[in-house]
Amino acid sequence: TYCGACHFSFGGSHLSELPDLSMMSSTTHEWFRDILLEGKLSFYGMANFSDVLSPEDVNALHQFLVSVQTERFKKQGKK
């Protein structure tokens, strides 16, 4: 609900100029919690979701995105 407004979809159907969350860098993975709950990228316009997401929500979301990224890389023949 919260991510889709800006990040919309993954892969070839990604229609936004904003980052495709299935292609997160290692730094983004490392900072994921701080981005969503501490506003680490607020200077780029990324919202702080600490008022609507719990740390558990953020962890679950991150694990989902890791699984999406893993599947995408498998399809591309990457590890």
C-alpha atoms as a PDB file:
ATOM      1  CA  THR A   1       0.000   0.000   0.000  1.00  0.00           C
ATOM      2  CA  TYR A   2       2.648   2.524   1.017  1.00  0.00           C
ATOM      3  CA  CYS A   3       5.404   1.464  -1.388  1.00  0.00           C
ATOM      4  CA  GLY A   4       3.242   1.048  -4.467  1.00  0.00           C
ATOM      5  CA  ALA A   5       2.301   4.698  -4.707  1.00  0.00           C
ATOM      6  CA  CYS A   6       5.868   5.556  -5.740  1.00  0.00           C
ATOM      7  CA  HIS A   7       7.608   2.310  -6.630  1.00  0.00           C
ATOM      8  CA  PHE A   8       4.621   0.681  -8.414  1.00  0.00           C
ATOM      9  CA  SER A   9       5.981  -2.566  -9.899  1.00  0.00           C
ATOM     10  CA  PHE A  10       9.095  -4.620 -10.455  1.00  0.00           C
ATOM     11  CA  GLY A  11      11.285  -5.471 -13.413  1.00  0.00           C
ATOM     12  CA  GLY A  12      10.376  -4.701 -16.997  1.00  0.00           C
ATOM     13  CA  SER A  13       6.988  -3.326 -15.997  1.00  0.00           C
ATOM     14  CA  HIS A  14       8.495  -0.765 -13.588  1.00  0.00           C
ATOM     15  CA  LEU A  15       6.941   2.484 -14.796  1.00  0.00           C
ATOM     16  CA  SER A  16       8.363   4.945 -12.293  1.00  0.00           C
ATOM     17  CA  GLU A  17      11.547   6.981 -12.334  1.00  0.00           C
ATOM     18  CA  LEU A  18      11.766   6.188  -8.610  1.00  0.00           C
ATOM     19  CA  PRO A  19      13.841   3.151  -7.574  1.00  0.00           C
ATOM     20  CA  ASP A  20      12.743  -0.365  -8.468  1.00  0.00           C
ATOM     21  CA  LEU A  21      12.751  -2.095  -5.066  1.00  0.00           C
ATOM     22  CA  SER A  22      13.625  -5.425  -6.703  1.00  0.00           C
ATOM     23  CA  MET A  23      17.016  -3.920  -7.591  1.00  0.00           C
ATOM     24  CA  MET A  24      18.076  -2.509  -4.219  1.00  0.00           C
ATOM     25  CA  SER A  25      21.787  -2.043  -3.658  1.00  0.00           C
ATOM     26  CA  SER A  26      23.599  -3.604  -0.718  1.00  0.00           C
ATOM     27  CA  THR A  27      23.648  -0.163   0.922  1.00  0.00           C
ATOM     28  CA  THR A  28      19.871   0.157   0.594  1.00  0.00           C
ATOM     29  CA  HIS A  29      19.453  -3.284   2.161  1.00  0.00           C
ATOM     30  CA  GLU A  30      21.740  -2.226   4.996  1.00  0.00           C
ATOM     31  CA  TRP A  31      19.859   1.054   5.528  1.00  0.00           C
ATOM     32  CA  PHE A  32      16.350  -0.317   4.873  1.00  0.00           C
ATOM     33  CA  ARG A  33      15.073   0.032   8.453  1.00  0.00           C
ATOM     34  CA  ASP A  34      16.546   3.515   8.859  1.00  0.00           C
ATOM     35  CA  ILE A  35      15.117   4.643   5.524  1.00  0.00           C
ATOM     36  CA  LEU A  36      11.582   3.640   6.492  1.00  0.00           C
ATOM     37  CA  LEU A  37      11.582   4.331  10.222  1.00  0.00           C
ATOM     38  CA  GLU A  38      14.157   7.095  10.672  1.00  0.00           C
ATOM     39  CA  GLY A  39      13.771   9.090   7.454  1.00  0.00           C
ATOM     40  CA  LYS A  40      17.355   8.422   6.352  1.00  0.00           C
ATOM     41  CA  LEU A  41      16.567   9.426   2.741  1.00  0.00           C
ATOM     42  CA  SER A  42      14.076  12.184   3.519  1.00  0.00           C
ATOM     43  CA  PHE A  43      16.370  14.717   1.839  1.00  0.00           C
ATOM     44  CA  TYR A  44      15.555  12.869  -1.437  1.00  0.00           C
ATOM     45  CA  GLY A  45      11.826  13.005  -0.734  1.00  0.00           C
ATOM     46  CA  MET A  46      11.496   9.501   0.715  1.00  0.00           C
ATOM     47  CA  ALA A  47       8.809   9.541   3.388  1.00  0.00           C
ATOM     48  CA  ASN A  48       9.361   8.430   6.980  1.00  0.00           C
ATOM     49  CA  PHE A  49       6.809   5.696   7.745  1.00  0.00           C
ATOM     50  CA  SER A  50       7.414   5.362  11.487  1.00  0.00           C
ATOM     51  CA  ASP A  51       3.874   6.570  12.139  1.00  0.00           C
ATOM     52  CA  VAL A  52       2.282   3.683  10.196  1.00  0.00           C
ATOM     53  CA  LEU A  53       4.848   0.839  10.134  1.00  0.00           C
ATOM     54  CA  SER A  54       6.298  -1.084  13.051  1.00  0.00           C
ATOM     55  CA  PRO A  55       9.831  -2.508  13.070  1.00  0.00           C
ATOM     56  CA  GLU A  56       8.219  -5.921  12.490  1.00  0.00           C
ATOM     57  CA  ASP A  57       6.339  -4.577   9.457  1.00  0.00           C
ATOM     58  CA  VAL A  58       9.574  -3.189   8.036  1.00  0.00           C
ATOM     59  CA  ASN A  59      11.373  -6.483   8.600  1.00  0.00           C
ATOM     60  CA  ALA A  60       8.573  -8.425   6.875  1.00  0.00           C
ATOM     61  CA  LEU A  61       8.573  -5.986   3.960  1.00  0.00           C
ATOM     62  CA  HIS A  62      12.338  -6.219   3.640  1.00  0.00           C
ATOM     63  CA  GLN A  63      12.227 -10.029   3.640  1.00  0.00           C
ATOM     64  CA  PHE A  64       9.562  -9.931   0.923  1.00  0.00           C
ATOM     65  CA  LEU A  65      11.709  -7.616  -1.199  1.00  0.00           C
ATOM     66  CA  VAL A  66      14.756  -9.852  -0.670  1.00  0.00           C
ATOM     67  CA  SER A  67      12.712 -12.792  -1.995  1.00  0.00           C
ATOM     68  CA  VAL A  68      11.562 -10.737  -5.005  1.00  0.00           C
ATOM     69  CA  GLN A  69      15.142  -9.675  -5.733  1.00  0.00           C
ATOM     70  CA  THR A  70      16.399 -13.250  -5.363  1.00  0.00           C
ATOM     71  CA  GLU A  71      13.811 -14.514  -7.852  1.00  0.00           C
ATOM     72  CA  ARG A  72      14.620 -11.728 -10.281  1.00  0.00           C
ATOM     73  CA  PHE A  73      18.325 -12.537 -10.168  1.00  0.00           C
ATOM     74  CA  LYS A  74      17.597 -16.266 -10.633  1.00  0.00           C
ATOM     75  CA  LYS A  75      15.609 -15.460 -13.765  1.00  0.00           C
ATOM     76  CA  GLN A  76      18.508 -13.357 -15.045  1.00  0.00           C
ATOM     77  CA  GLY A  77      21.007 -16.127 -14.274  1.00  0.00           C
ATOM     78  CA  LYS A  78      22.730 -14.179 -11.485  1.00  0.00           C
ATOM     79  CA  LYS A  79      23.583 -15.262  -7.963  1.00  0.00           C
END
